[in-house]
Amino acid sequence: LREECGVSGWTLLQFLGDAVLVPTGAPHQVQTLTGTISVEQRFLSPESAARLRDHSNHLPSAARQLHGQLDHMIFSAVREAVEVLRGCK
């Protein structure tokens, strides 16, 4: 990939207590060297949500369901932001 697209990979060792943040949309793979427990939190950024919403208009019913979930997520985020701003008076 480095020669074709200018993309290079990273290798890192994660130890007890370490956390790794992988940016939204970044492809990644994990290889465990020992038995492990993985805790993962998926995050959908506002930019990704808007892009998904824009592209979901010409997709089947599953996309319409996603569209509704995104609408709810955006509404909830705006409501929370307004509540924070009201508290700043």
PDB file of N, CA and C in Angstrom:
ATOM      1  N   LEU A   1       0.806  -1.192   0.000  1.00  0.00           N
ATOM      2  CA  LEU A   1       0.000   0.000   0.000  1.00  0.00           C
ATOM      3  C   LEU A   1       0.856   1.265   0.000  1.00  0.00           C
ATOM      4  N   ARG A   2       2.027   1.173   0.564  1.00  0.00           N
ATOM      5  CA  ARG A   2       2.874   2.357   0.621  1.00  0.00           C
ATOM      6  C   ARG A   2       3.228   2.838  -0.778  1.00  0.00           C
ATOM      7  N   GLU A   3       3.600   1.904  -1.655  1.00  0.00           N
ATOM      8  CA  GLU A   3       3.975   2.285  -3.015  1.00  0.00           C
ATOM      9  C   GLU A   3       2.763   2.717  -3.837  1.00  0.00           C
ATOM     10  N   GLU A   4       1.643   2.000  -3.689  1.00  0.00           N
ATOM     11  CA  GLU A   4       0.453   2.283  -4.488  1.00  0.00           C
ATOM     12  C   GLU A   4      -0.289   3.541  -4.056  1.00  0.00           C
ATOM     13  N   CYS A   5      -0.462   3.705  -2.761  1.00  0.00           N
ATOM     14  CA  CYS A   5      -1.343   4.771  -2.260  1.00  0.00           C
ATOM     15  C   CYS A   5      -0.686   5.711  -1.258  1.00  0.00           C
ATOM     16  N   GLY A   6       0.569   5.456  -0.915  1.00  0.00           N
ATOM     17  CA  GLY A   6       1.221   6.298   0.072  1.00  0.00           C
ATOM     18  C   GLY A   6       0.732   6.062   1.492  1.00  0.00           C
ATOM     19  N   VAL A   7       0.163   4.878   1.741  1.00  0.00           N
ATOM     20  CA  VAL A   7      -0.378   4.552   3.061  1.00  0.00           C
ATOM     21  C   VAL A   7       0.605   3.631   3.768  1.00  0.00           C
ATOM     22  N   SER A   8       0.930   3.961   5.002  1.00  0.00           N
ATOM     23  CA  SER A   8       1.816   3.081   5.762  1.00  0.00           C
ATOM     24  C   SER A   8       1.129   2.684   7.060  1.00  0.00           C
ATOM     25  N   GLY A   9       1.470   1.525   7.547  1.00  0.00           N
ATOM     26  CA  GLY A   9       0.860   1.006   8.762  1.00  0.00           C
ATOM     27  C   GLY A   9       1.713   1.292   9.984  1.00  0.00           C
ATOM     28  N   TRP A  10       1.108   1.154  11.129  1.00  0.00           N
ATOM     29  CA  TRP A  10       1.795   1.313  12.404  1.00  0.00           C
ATOM     30  C   TRP A  10       1.699   0.005  13.159  1.00  0.00           C
ATOM     31  N   THR A  11       2.717  -0.319  13.887  1.00  0.00           N
ATOM     32  CA  THR A  11       2.689  -1.472  14.771  1.00  0.00           C
ATOM     33  C   THR A  11       2.959  -0.957  16.176  1.00  0.00           C
ATOM     34  N   LEU A  12       2.173  -1.411  17.140  1.00  0.00           N
ATOM     35  CA  LEU A  12       2.428  -0.999  18.522  1.00  0.00           C
ATOM     36  C   LEU A  12       2.125  -2.143  19.455  1.00  0.00           C
ATOM     37  N   LEU A  13       2.789  -2.147  20.581  1.00  0.00           N
ATOM     38  CA  LEU A  13       2.514  -3.113  21.627  1.00  0.00           C
ATOM     39  C   LEU A  13       1.731  -2.403  22.717  1.00  0.00           C
ATOM     40  N   GLN A  14       0.641  -2.992  23.112  1.00  0.00           N
ATOM     41  CA  GLN A  14      -0.210  -2.416  24.142  1.00  0.00           C
ATOM     42  C   GLN A  14      -0.036  -3.253  25.403  1.00  0.00           C
ATOM     43  N   PHE A  15       0.245  -2.574  26.510  1.00  0.00           N
ATOM     44  CA  PHE A  15       0.466  -3.259  27.776  1.00  0.00           C
ATOM     45  C   PHE A  15      -0.683  -2.987  28.739  1.00  0.00           C
ATOM     46  N   LEU A  16      -0.701  -3.725  29.836  1.00  0.00           N
ATOM     47  CA  LEU A  16      -1.731  -3.588  30.848  1.00  0.00           C
ATOM     48  C   LEU A  16      -1.907  -2.115  31.214  1.00  0.00           C
ATOM     49  N   GLY A  17      -3.143  -1.645  31.141  1.00  0.00           N
ATOM     50  CA  GLY A  17      -3.443  -0.260  31.480  1.00  0.00           C
ATOM     51  C   GLY A  17      -3.359   0.708  30.319  1.00  0.00           C
ATOM     52  N   ASP A  18      -2.832   0.275  29.178  1.00  0.00           N
ATOM     53  CA  ASP A  18      -2.736   1.145  27.999  1.00  0.00           C
ATOM     54  C   ASP A  18      -4.080   1.200  27.282  1.00  0.00           C
ATOM     55  N   ALA A  19      -4.366   2.336  26.690  1.00  0.00           N
ATOM     56  CA  ALA A  19      -5.552   2.492  25.847  1.00  0.00           C
ATOM     57  C   ALA A  19      -5.088   2.972  24.477  1.00  0.00           C
ATOM     58  N   VAL A  20      -5.761   2.533  23.452  1.00  0.00           N
ATOM     59  CA  VAL A  20      -5.440   2.938  22.084  1.00  0.00           C
ATOM     60  C   VAL A  20      -6.686   3.567  21.483  1.00  0.00           C
ATOM     61  N   LEU A  21      -6.541   4.762  20.957  1.00  0.00           N
ATOM     62  CA  LEU A  21      -7.639   5.445  20.291  1.00  0.00           C
ATOM     63  C   LEU A  21      -7.417   5.345  18.787  1.00  0.00           C
ATOM     64  N   VAL A  22      -8.365   4.729  18.103  1.00  0.00           N
ATOM     65  CA  VAL A  22      -8.321   4.619  16.649  1.00  0.00           C
ATOM     66  C   VAL A  22      -9.333   5.621  16.098  1.00  0.00           C
ATOM     67  N   PRO A  23      -8.898   6.573  15.278  1.00  0.00           N
ATOM     68  CA  PRO A  23      -9.826   7.587  14.766  1.00  0.00           C
ATOM     69  C   PRO A  23     -11.003   6.968  14.015  1.00  0.00           C
ATOM     70  N   THR A  24     -12.125   7.643  14.082  1.00  0.00           N
ATOM     71  CA  THR A  24     -13.323   7.187  13.394  1.00  0.00           C
ATOM     72  C   THR A  24     -13.036   6.973  11.916  1.00  0.00           C
ATOM     73  N   GLY A  25     -13.459   5.837  11.410  1.00  0.00           N
ATOM     74  CA  GLY A  25     -13.302   5.543   9.993  1.00  0.00           C
ATOM     75  C   GLY A  25     -11.952   4.983   9.604  1.00  0.00           C
ATOM     76  N   ALA A  26     -11.021   4.916  10.555  1.00  0.00           N
ATOM     77  CA  ALA A  26      -9.684   4.406  10.232  1.00  0.00           C
ATOM     78  C   ALA A  26      -9.702   2.883  10.236  1.00  0.00           C
ATOM     79  N   PRO A  27      -9.310   2.271   9.137  1.00  0.00           N
ATOM     80  CA  PRO A  27      -9.246   0.809   9.127  1.00  0.00           C
ATOM     81  C   PRO A  27      -8.134   0.344  10.066  1.00  0.00           C
ATOM     82  N   HIS A  28      -8.371  -0.755  10.752  1.00  0.00           N
ATOM     83  CA  HIS A  28      -7.345  -1.275  11.653  1.00  0.00           C
ATOM     84  C   HIS A  28      -7.547  -2.774  11.846  1.00  0.00           C
ATOM     85  N   GLN A  29      -6.503  -3.415  12.301  1.00  0.00           N
ATOM     86  CA  GLN A  29      -6.610  -4.824  12.643  1.00  0.00           C
ATOM     87  C   GLN A  29      -5.832  -5.044  13.925  1.00  0.00           C
ATOM     88  N   VAL A  30      -6.221  -6.076  14.656  1.00  0.00           N
ATOM     89  CA  VAL A  30      -5.630  -6.356  15.958  1.00  0.00           C
ATOM     90  C   VAL A  30      -5.171  -7.801  15.975  1.00  0.00           C
ATOM     91  N   GLN A  31      -3.972  -8.008  16.484  1.00  0.00           N
ATOM     92  CA  GLN A  31      -3.472  -9.364  16.696  1.00  0.00           C
ATOM     93  C   GLN A  31      -3.104  -9.471  18.169  1.00  0.00           C
ATOM     94  N   THR A  32      -3.728 -10.399  18.869  1.00  0.00           N
ATOM     95  CA  THR A  32      -3.415 -10.566  20.287  1.00  0.00           C
ATOM     96  C   THR A  32      -2.308 -11.593  20.442  1.00  0.00           C
ATOM     97  N   LEU A  33      -1.377 -11.302  21.328  1.00  0.00           N
ATOM     98  CA  LEU A  33      -0.248 -12.202  21.564  1.00  0.00           C
ATOM     99  C   LEU A  33      -0.509 -13.137  22.732  1.00  0.00           C
ATOM    100  N   THR A  34      -1.471 -12.772  23.585  1.00  0.00           N
ATOM    101  CA  THR A  34      -1.853 -13.603  24.728  1.00  0.00           C
ATOM    102  C   THR A  34      -3.365 -13.522  24.868  1.00  0.00           C
ATOM    103  N   GLY A  35      -3.919 -14.295  25.795  1.00  0.00           N
ATOM    104  CA  GLY A  35      -5.349 -14.199  26.077  1.00  0.00           C
ATOM    105  C   GLY A  35      -5.670 -12.776  26.516  1.00  0.00           C
ATOM    106  N   THR A  36      -6.753 -12.243  26.052  1.00  0.00           N
ATOM    107  CA  THR A  36      -7.044 -10.840  26.335  1.00  0.00           C
ATOM    108  C   THR A  36      -8.541 -10.596  26.439  1.00  0.00           C
ATOM    109  N   ILE A  37      -8.888  -9.510  27.066  1.00  0.00           N
ATOM    110  CA  ILE A  37     -10.267  -9.029  27.092  1.00  0.00           C
ATOM    111  C   ILE A  37     -10.247  -7.681  26.392  1.00  0.00           C
ATOM    112  N   SER A  38     -11.098  -7.511  25.423  1.00  0.00           N
ATOM    113  CA  SER A  38     -11.151  -6.267  24.671  1.00  0.00           C
ATOM    114  C   SER A  38     -12.423  -5.517  25.018  1.00  0.00           C
ATOM    115  N   VAL A  39     -12.271  -4.260  25.350  1.00  0.00           N
ATOM    116  CA  VAL A  39     -13.415  -3.386  25.586  1.00  0.00           C
ATOM    117  C   VAL A  39     -13.393  -2.351  24.479  1.00  0.00           C
ATOM    118  N   GLU A  40     -14.488  -2.272  23.765  1.00  0.00           N
ATOM    119  CA  GLU A  40     -14.523  -1.415  22.579  1.00  0.00           C
ATOM    120  C   GLU A  40     -15.716  -0.482  22.659  1.00  0.00           C
ATOM    121  N   GLN A  41     -15.503   0.752  22.269  1.00  0.00           N
ATOM    122  CA  GLN A  41     -16.587   1.726  22.215  1.00  0.00           C
ATOM    123  C   GLN A  41     -16.637   2.276  20.796  1.00  0.00           C
ATOM    124  N   ARG A  42     -17.720   2.083  20.135  1.00  0.00           N
ATOM    125  CA  ARG A  42     -17.882   2.631  18.787  1.00  0.00           C
ATOM    126  C   ARG A  42     -18.364   4.066  18.909  1.00  0.00           C
ATOM    127  N   PHE A  43     -17.810   4.906  18.074  1.00  0.00           N
ATOM    128  CA  PHE A  43     -18.160   6.322  18.108  1.00  0.00           C
ATOM    129  C   PHE A  43     -18.507   6.767  16.701  1.00  0.00           C
ATOM    130  N   LEU A  44     -19.624   7.425  16.570  1.00  0.00           N
ATOM    131  CA  LEU A  44     -20.035   7.951  15.273  1.00  0.00           C
ATOM    132  C   LEU A  44     -19.917   9.460  15.338  1.00  0.00           C
ATOM    133  N   SER A  45     -18.962  10.006  14.613  1.00  0.00           N
ATOM    134  CA  SER A  45     -18.755  11.448  14.643  1.00  0.00           C
ATOM    135  C   SER A  45     -19.883  12.166  13.914  1.00  0.00           C
ATOM    136  N   PRO A  46     -20.117  13.433  14.242  1.00  0.00           N
ATOM    137  CA  PRO A  46     -21.154  14.188  13.535  1.00  0.00           C
ATOM    138  C   PRO A  46     -20.917  14.235  12.023  1.00  0.00           C
ATOM    139  N   GLU A  47     -19.648  14.324  11.631  1.00  0.00           N
ATOM    140  CA  GLU A  47     -19.338  14.369  10.196  1.00  0.00           C
ATOM    141  C   GLU A  47     -19.737  13.070   9.501  1.00  0.00           C
ATOM    142  N   SER A  48     -19.423  11.950  10.140  1.00  0.00           N
ATOM    143  CA  SER A  48     -19.790  10.651   9.559  1.00  0.00           C
ATOM    144  C   SER A  48     -21.303  10.474   9.538  1.00  0.00           C
ATOM    145  N   ALA A  49     -21.974  10.933  10.594  1.00  0.00           N
ATOM    146  CA  ALA A  49     -23.427  10.810  10.656  1.00  0.00           C
ATOM    147  C   ALA A  49     -24.076  11.589   9.518  1.00  0.00           C
ATOM    148  N   ALA A  50     -23.607  12.803   9.283  1.00  0.00           N
ATOM    149  CA  ALA A  50     -24.167  13.619   8.204  1.00  0.00           C
ATOM    150  C   ALA A  50     -23.936  12.961   6.850  1.00  0.00           C
ATOM    151  N   ARG A  51     -22.761  12.403   6.655  1.00  0.00           N
ATOM    152  CA  ARG A  51     -22.453  11.732   5.391  1.00  0.00           C
ATOM    153  C   ARG A  51     -23.338  10.508   5.185  1.00  0.00           C
ATOM    154  N   LEU A  52     -23.517   9.708   6.248  1.00  0.00           N
ATOM    155  CA  LEU A  52     -24.398   8.542   6.151  1.00  0.00           C
ATOM    156  C   LEU A  52     -25.827   8.963   5.851  1.00  0.00           C
ATOM    157  N   ARG A  53     -26.269  10.020   6.516  1.00  0.00           N
ATOM    158  CA  ARG A  53     -27.638  10.503   6.316  1.00  0.00           C
ATOM    159  C   ARG A  53     -27.851  10.948   4.873  1.00  0.00           C
ATOM    160  N   ASP A  54     -26.883  11.664   4.318  1.00  0.00           N
ATOM    161  CA  ASP A  54     -26.987  12.145   2.940  1.00  0.00           C
ATOM    162  C   ASP A  54     -27.061  11.003   1.937  1.00  0.00           C
ATOM    163  N   HIS A  55     -26.314   9.925   2.208  1.00  0.00           N
ATOM    164  CA  HIS A  55     -26.263   8.809   1.257  1.00  0.00           C
ATOM    165  C   HIS A  55     -27.365   7.777   1.468  1.00  0.00           C
ATOM    166  N   SER A  56     -28.113   7.902   2.564  1.00  0.00           N
ATOM    167  CA  SER A  56     -29.112   6.871   2.856  1.00  0.00           C
ATOM    168  C   SER A  56     -30.432   7.095   2.126  1.00  0.00           C
ATOM    169  N   ASN A  57     -30.598   8.206   1.446  1.00  0.00           N
ATOM    170  CA  ASN A  57     -31.874   8.502   0.793  1.00  0.00           C
ATOM    171  C   ASN A  57     -32.210   7.533  -0.334  1.00  0.00           C
ATOM    172  N   HIS A  58     -31.220   6.961  -1.000  1.00  0.00           N
ATOM    173  CA  HIS A  58     -31.509   6.048  -2.103  1.00  0.00           C
ATOM    174  C   HIS A  58     -31.152   4.605  -1.754  1.00  0.00           C
ATOM    175  N   LEU A  59     -31.284   4.239  -0.482  1.00  0.00           N
ATOM    176  CA  LEU A  59     -31.004   2.871  -0.059  1.00  0.00           C
ATOM    177  C   LEU A  59     -32.283   2.218   0.467  1.00  0.00           C
ATOM    178  N   PRO A  60     -32.287   0.886   0.623  1.00  0.00           N
ATOM    179  CA  PRO A  60     -33.489   0.167   1.059  1.00  0.00           C
ATOM    180  C   PRO A  60     -33.880   0.459   2.510  1.00  0.00           C
ATOM    181  N   SER A  61     -34.845  -0.304   3.008  1.00  0.00           N
ATOM    182  CA  SER A  61     -35.479  -0.034   4.302  1.00  0.00           C
ATOM    183  C   SER A  61     -34.504  -0.019   5.474  1.00  0.00           C
ATOM    184  N   ALA A  62     -33.475  -0.832   5.448  1.00  0.00           N
ATOM    185  CA  ALA A  62     -32.497  -0.815   6.547  1.00  0.00           C
ATOM    186  C   ALA A  62     -31.864   0.569   6.654  1.00  0.00           C
ATOM    187  N   ALA A  63     -31.644   1.199   5.527  1.00  0.00           N
ATOM    188  CA  ALA A  63     -31.059   2.540   5.529  1.00  0.00           C
ATOM    189  C   ALA A  63     -32.056   3.552   6.081  1.00  0.00           C
ATOM    190  N   ARG A  64     -33.338   3.346   5.817  1.00  0.00           N
ATOM    191  CA  ARG A  64     -34.343   4.258   6.387  1.00  0.00           C
ATOM    192  C   ARG A  64     -34.355   4.157   7.907  1.00  0.00           C
ATOM    193  N   GLN A  65     -34.149   2.954   8.419  1.00  0.00           N
ATOM    194  CA  GLN A  65     -34.059   2.777   9.866  1.00  0.00           C
ATOM    195  C   GLN A  65     -32.832   3.514  10.405  1.00  0.00           C
ATOM    196  N   LEU A  66     -31.711   3.389   9.712  1.00  0.00           N
ATOM    197  CA  LEU A  66     -30.501   4.115  10.086  1.00  0.00           C
ATOM    198  C   LEU A  66     -30.761   5.620  10.050  1.00  0.00           C
ATOM    199  N   HIS A  67     -31.477   6.054   9.031  1.00  0.00           N
ATOM    200  CA  HIS A  67     -31.828   7.466   8.874  1.00  0.00           C
ATOM    201  C   HIS A  67     -32.574   7.954  10.117  1.00  0.00           C
ATOM    202  N   GLY A  68     -33.538   7.178  10.614  1.00  0.00           N
ATOM    203  CA  GLY A  68     -34.288   7.538  11.809  1.00  0.00           C
ATOM    204  C   GLY A  68     -33.408   7.573  13.046  1.00  0.00           C
ATOM    205  N   GLN A  69     -32.500   6.626  13.156  1.00  0.00           N
ATOM    206  CA  GLN A  69     -31.585   6.605  14.294  1.00  0.00           C
ATOM    207  C   GLN A  69     -30.665   7.826  14.270  1.00  0.00           C
ATOM    208  N   LEU A  70     -30.190   8.188  13.087  1.00  0.00           N
ATOM    209  CA  LEU A  70     -29.332   9.367  12.969  1.00  0.00           C
ATOM    210  C   LEU A  70     -30.094  10.632  13.316  1.00  0.00           C
ATOM    211  N   ASP A  71     -31.346  10.725  12.853  1.00  0.00           N
ATOM    212  CA  ASP A  71     -32.166  11.886  13.209  1.00  0.00           C
ATOM    213  C   ASP A  71     -32.294  12.002  14.728  1.00  0.00           C
ATOM    214  N   HIS A  72     -32.548  10.876  15.389  1.00  0.00           N
ATOM    215  CA  HIS A  72     -32.682  10.877  16.844  1.00  0.00           C
ATOM    216  C   HIS A  72     -31.369  11.285  17.504  1.00  0.00           C
ATOM    217  N   MET A  73     -30.249  10.759  17.005  1.00  0.00           N
ATOM    218  CA  MET A  73     -28.946  11.082  17.574  1.00  0.00           C
ATOM    219  C   MET A  73     -28.655  12.575  17.427  1.00  0.00           C
ATOM    220  N   ILE A  74     -28.930  13.131  16.253  1.00  0.00           N
ATOM    221  CA  ILE A  74     -28.682  14.555  16.014  1.00  0.00           C
ATOM    222  C   ILE A  74     -29.586  15.394  16.907  1.00  0.00           C
ATOM    223  N   PHE A  75     -30.859  15.028  17.011  1.00  0.00           N
ATOM    224  CA  PHE A  75     -31.795  15.754  17.870  1.00  0.00           C
ATOM    225  C   PHE A  75     -31.318  15.726  19.321  1.00  0.00           C
ATOM    226  N   SER A  76     -30.887  14.566  19.800  1.00  0.00           N
ATOM    227  CA  SER A  76     -30.423  14.445  21.183  1.00  0.00           C
ATOM    228  C   SER A  76     -29.187  15.302  21.425  1.00  0.00           C
ATOM    229  N   ALA A  77     -28.263  15.319  20.477  1.00  0.00           N
ATOM    230  CA  ALA A  77     -27.048  16.128  20.629  1.00  0.00           C
ATOM    231  C   ALA A  77     -27.378  17.614  20.667  1.00  0.00           C
ATOM    232  N   VAL A  78     -28.278  18.054  19.814  1.00  0.00           N
ATOM    233  CA  VAL A  78     -28.675  19.471  19.805  1.00  0.00           C
ATOM    234  C   VAL A  78     -29.392  19.823  21.098  1.00  0.00           C
ATOM    235  N   ARG A  79     -30.289  18.955  21.556  1.00  0.00           N
ATOM    236  CA  ARG A  79     -31.006  19.213  22.811  1.00  0.00           C
ATOM    237  C   ARG A  79     -30.022  19.343  23.974  1.00  0.00           C
ATOM    238  N   GLU A  80     -29.028  18.446  24.033  1.00  0.00           N
ATOM    239  CA  GLU A  80     -28.033  18.500  25.111  1.00  0.00           C
ATOM    240  C   GLU A  80     -27.202  19.783  25.022  1.00  0.00           C
ATOM    241  N   ALA A  81     -26.830  20.183  23.808  1.00  0.00           N
ATOM    242  CA  ALA A  81     -26.055  21.418  23.625  1.00  0.00           C
ATOM    243  C   ALA A  81     -26.862  22.635  24.085  1.00  0.00           C
ATOM    244  N   VAL A  82     -28.146  22.680  23.762  1.00  0.00           N
ATOM    245  CA  VAL A  82     -28.998  23.793  24.176  1.00  0.00           C
ATOM    246  C   VAL A  82     -29.112  23.837  25.695  1.00  0.00           C
ATOM    247  N   GLU A  83     -29.240  22.660  26.336  1.00  0.00           N
ATOM    248  CA  GLU A  83     -29.306  22.619  27.797  1.00  0.00           C
ATOM    249  C   GLU A  83     -28.025  23.149  28.426  1.00  0.00           C
ATOM    250  N   VAL A  84     -26.894  22.803  27.855  1.00  0.00           N
ATOM    251  CA  VAL A  84     -25.606  23.307  28.364  1.00  0.00           C
ATOM    252  C   VAL A  84     -25.546  24.826  28.212  1.00  0.00           C
ATOM    253  N   LEU A  85     -25.949  25.317  27.050  1.00  0.00           N
ATOM    254  CA  LEU A  85     -25.919  26.768  26.817  1.00  0.00           C
ATOM    255  C   LEU A  85     -26.873  27.506  27.761  1.00  0.00           C
ATOM    256  N   ARG A  86     -28.021  26.939  28.038  1.00  0.00           N
ATOM    257  CA  ARG A  86     -28.969  27.575  28.970  1.00  0.00           C
ATOM    258  C   ARG A  86     -28.358  27.666  30.365  1.00  0.00           C
ATOM    259  N   GLY A  87     -27.537  26.705  30.721  1.00  0.00           N
ATOM    260  CA  GLY A  87     -26.892  26.720  32.029  1.00  0.00           C
ATOM    261  C   GLY A  87     -25.775  27.743  32.143  1.00  0.00           C
ATOM    262  N   CYS A  88     -25.361  28.334  31.039  1.00  0.00           N
ATOM    263  CA  CYS A  88     -24.258  29.298  31.030  1.00  0.00           C
ATOM    264  C   CYS A  88     -24.715  30.735  31.242  1.00  0.00           C
ATOM    265  N   LYS A  89     -25.994  30.960  31.502  1.00  0.00           N
ATOM    266  CA  LYS A  89     -26.508  32.327  31.654  1.00  0.00           C
ATOM    267  C   LYS A  89     -25.896  33.031  32.841  1.00  0.00           C
TER     268      LYS A  89
END
